[in-house]
Amino acid sequence: MISREIVVSRLPKFMQTLDDLIYRELEKIAKRRGITIQELIRAVIVPEWINGLNGASNKLNDWR
């Protein structure tokens, strides 16, 4: 069995900086949902961004 510490230490990491206005807006959204900003970014924003990219690339392929 692999411990959580081993798995987490091997995950790729990145750092993101946010403008104060954007941070405050994300903070409001997260608070309304009862989650942290980090959870909002991981569970909502990144998946929506990825889906948006997939949709955009499919639209680009349609034009080719």
N, C-alpha and C. Protein backbone atom coordinates (compact mmCIF):
# COMPACT_ATOMS: atom_id res chain seq x y z
N MET A 1 0.84 -1.18 0.00
CA MET A 1 0.00 0.00 0.00
C MET A 1 0.89 1.25 0.00
N ILE A 2 0.55 2.23 -0.83
CA ILE A 2 1.32 3.46 -0.93
C ILE A 2 0.72 4.51 0.00
N SER A 3 1.59 5.15 0.77
CA SER A 3 1.07 6.17 1.70
C SER A 3 0.72 7.45 0.94
N ARG A 4 -0.18 8.20 1.51
CA ARG A 4 -0.62 9.46 0.90
C ARG A 4 0.55 10.42 0.74
N GLU A 5 1.47 10.44 1.69
CA GLU A 5 2.62 11.35 1.65
C GLU A 5 3.48 11.09 0.42
N ILE A 6 3.66 9.82 0.08
CA ILE A 6 4.46 9.47 -1.09
C ILE A 6 3.75 9.93 -2.36
N VAL A 7 2.46 9.68 -2.46
CA VAL A 7 1.70 10.06 -3.65
C VAL A 7 1.69 11.58 -3.80
N VAL A 8 1.40 12.31 -2.73
CA VAL A 8 1.32 13.77 -2.80
C VAL A 8 2.67 14.37 -3.15
N SER A 9 3.76 13.83 -2.62
CA SER A 9 5.07 14.41 -2.90
C SER A 9 5.47 14.24 -4.36
N ARG A 10 4.86 13.30 -5.07
CA ARG A 10 5.21 13.05 -6.47
C ARG A 10 4.31 13.79 -7.46
N LEU A 11 3.28 14.45 -6.98
CA LEU A 11 2.39 15.19 -7.87
C LEU A 11 3.08 16.46 -8.36
N PRO A 12 2.86 16.82 -9.62
CA PRO A 12 3.44 18.08 -10.10
C PRO A 12 2.79 19.26 -9.38
N LYS A 13 3.56 20.29 -9.18
CA LYS A 13 3.07 21.45 -8.46
C LYS A 13 3.29 22.70 -9.30
N PHE A 14 2.46 23.71 -9.09
CA PHE A 14 2.68 24.98 -9.74
C PHE A 14 2.23 26.09 -8.79
N MET A 15 2.70 27.29 -9.05
CA MET A 15 2.34 28.43 -8.24
C MET A 15 1.64 29.44 -9.13
N GLN A 16 0.59 30.04 -8.62
CA GLN A 16 -0.18 31.02 -9.38
C GLN A 16 -0.30 32.28 -8.56
N THR A 17 -0.07 33.41 -9.17
CA THR A 17 -0.33 34.68 -8.50
C THR A 17 -1.60 35.28 -9.09
N LEU A 18 -2.36 35.96 -8.25
CA LEU A 18 -3.63 36.54 -8.68
C LEU A 18 -3.66 38.02 -8.33
N ASP A 19 -4.25 38.79 -9.20
CA ASP A 19 -4.51 40.19 -8.93
C ASP A 19 -5.43 40.28 -7.71
N ASP A 20 -5.29 41.34 -6.92
CA ASP A 20 -6.10 41.49 -5.71
C ASP A 20 -7.59 41.44 -5.99
N LEU A 21 -8.03 42.09 -7.07
CA LEU A 21 -9.47 42.08 -7.40
C LEU A 21 -9.95 40.68 -7.74
N ILE A 22 -9.16 39.94 -8.49
CA ILE A 22 -9.54 38.58 -8.86
C ILE A 22 -9.56 37.69 -7.62
N TYR A 23 -8.56 37.85 -6.76
CA TYR A 23 -8.50 37.06 -5.53
C TYR A 23 -9.74 37.31 -4.68
N ARG A 24 -10.11 38.57 -4.53
CA ARG A 24 -11.30 38.88 -3.70
C ARG A 24 -12.57 38.30 -4.32
N GLU A 25 -12.67 38.34 -5.64
CA GLU A 25 -13.85 37.76 -6.29
C GLU A 25 -13.90 36.25 -6.09
N LEU A 26 -12.76 35.58 -6.26
CA LEU A 26 -12.71 34.14 -6.01
C LEU A 26 -13.02 33.82 -4.55
N GLU A 27 -12.54 34.67 -3.67
CA GLU A 27 -12.81 34.48 -2.24
C GLU A 27 -14.31 34.54 -1.96
N LYS A 28 -15.00 35.49 -2.56
CA LYS A 28 -16.46 35.60 -2.38
C LYS A 28 -17.17 34.35 -2.91
N ILE A 29 -16.78 33.92 -4.10
CA ILE A 29 -17.41 32.75 -4.71
C ILE A 29 -17.18 31.51 -3.84
N ALA A 30 -15.95 31.33 -3.40
CA ALA A 30 -15.62 30.18 -2.55
C ALA A 30 -16.41 30.22 -1.24
N LYS A 31 -16.48 31.40 -0.65
CA LYS A 31 -17.20 31.53 0.63
C LYS A 31 -18.67 31.16 0.46
N ARG A 32 -19.28 31.62 -0.65
CA ARG A 32 -20.68 31.30 -0.91
C ARG A 32 -20.90 29.79 -1.06
N ARG A 33 -19.91 29.10 -1.60
CA ARG A 33 -20.00 27.65 -1.79
C ARG A 33 -19.57 26.87 -0.55
N GLY A 34 -18.99 27.58 0.42
CA GLY A 34 -18.54 26.90 1.64
C GLY A 34 -17.25 26.11 1.44
N ILE A 35 -16.40 26.57 0.52
CA ILE A 35 -15.14 25.89 0.25
C ILE A 35 -14.00 26.91 0.26
N THR A 36 -12.78 26.42 0.21
CA THR A 36 -11.62 27.32 0.16
C THR A 36 -11.37 27.75 -1.28
N ILE A 37 -10.56 28.79 -1.44
CA ILE A 37 -10.20 29.25 -2.78
C ILE A 37 -9.45 28.14 -3.51
N GLN A 38 -8.58 27.45 -2.82
CA GLN A 38 -7.83 26.36 -3.45
C GLN A 38 -8.77 25.28 -3.95
N GLU A 39 -9.76 24.92 -3.15
CA GLU A 39 -10.74 23.91 -3.58
C GLU A 39 -11.53 24.42 -4.79
N LEU A 40 -11.89 25.69 -4.79
CA LEU A 40 -12.61 26.27 -5.92
C LEU A 40 -11.79 26.17 -7.20
N ILE A 41 -10.51 26.52 -7.10
CA ILE A 41 -9.64 26.47 -8.26
C ILE A 41 -9.49 25.03 -8.76
N ARG A 42 -9.26 24.10 -7.84
CA ARG A 42 -9.06 22.69 -8.22
C ARG A 42 -10.32 22.03 -8.77
N ALA A 43 -11.45 22.26 -8.09
CA ALA A 43 -12.66 21.51 -8.41
C ALA A 43 -13.56 22.18 -9.45
N VAL A 44 -13.44 23.50 -9.62
CA VAL A 44 -14.35 24.21 -10.51
C VAL A 44 -13.61 24.89 -11.65
N ILE A 45 -12.68 25.74 -11.31
CA ILE A 45 -12.05 26.60 -12.33
C ILE A 45 -11.19 25.79 -13.30
N VAL A 46 -10.31 24.96 -12.80
CA VAL A 46 -9.42 24.20 -13.70
C VAL A 46 -10.24 23.25 -14.59
N PRO A 47 -11.16 22.47 -14.04
CA PRO A 47 -11.95 21.60 -14.94
C PRO A 47 -12.73 22.38 -16.00
N GLU A 48 -13.31 23.54 -15.62
CA GLU A 48 -14.04 24.33 -16.61
C GLU A 48 -13.09 24.88 -17.66
N TRP A 49 -11.91 25.28 -17.25
CA TRP A 49 -10.91 25.80 -18.18
C TRP A 49 -10.49 24.70 -19.16
N ILE A 50 -10.27 23.50 -18.64
CA ILE A 50 -9.89 22.39 -19.51
C ILE A 50 -11.01 22.06 -20.48
N ASN A 51 -12.24 22.01 -20.00
CA ASN A 51 -13.37 21.76 -20.89
C ASN A 51 -13.50 22.85 -21.93
N GLY A 52 -13.25 24.09 -21.55
CA GLY A 52 -13.28 25.20 -22.48
C GLY A 52 -12.22 25.06 -23.54
N LEU A 53 -11.04 24.63 -23.14
CA LEU A 53 -9.96 24.42 -24.12
C LEU A 53 -10.32 23.31 -25.08
N ASN A 54 -10.88 22.23 -24.56
CA ASN A 54 -11.27 21.12 -25.43
C ASN A 54 -12.32 21.58 -26.43
N GLY A 55 -13.27 22.35 -25.95
CA GLY A 55 -14.30 22.88 -26.85
C GLY A 55 -13.70 23.81 -27.88
N ALA A 56 -12.75 24.65 -27.46
CA ALA A 56 -12.12 25.59 -28.39
C ALA A 56 -11.29 24.85 -29.43
N SER A 57 -10.56 23.82 -29.00
CA SER A 57 -9.74 23.09 -29.97
C SER A 57 -10.62 22.33 -30.95
N ASN A 58 -11.76 21.82 -30.47
CA ASN A 58 -12.68 21.14 -31.39
C ASN A 58 -13.23 22.12 -32.41
N LYS A 59 -13.56 23.33 -31.97
CA LYS A 59 -14.06 24.35 -32.90
C LYS A 59 -13.00 24.72 -33.91
N LEU A 60 -11.75 24.83 -33.45
CA LEU A 60 -10.66 25.14 -34.38
C LEU A 60 -10.51 24.03 -35.41
N ASN A 61 -10.61 22.78 -34.94
CA ASN A 61 -10.48 21.65 -35.87
C ASN A 61 -11.62 21.65 -36.90
N ASP A 62 -12.80 22.11 -36.50
CA ASP A 62 -13.94 22.18 -37.42
C ASP A 62 -13.66 23.15 -38.56
N TRP A 63 -12.88 24.20 -38.27
CA TRP A 63 -12.57 25.20 -39.28
C TRP A 63 -11.50 24.72 -40.25
N ARG A 64 -10.73 23.72 -39.88
CA ARG A 64 -9.62 23.26 -40.73
C ARG A 64 -10.07 22.36 -41.83
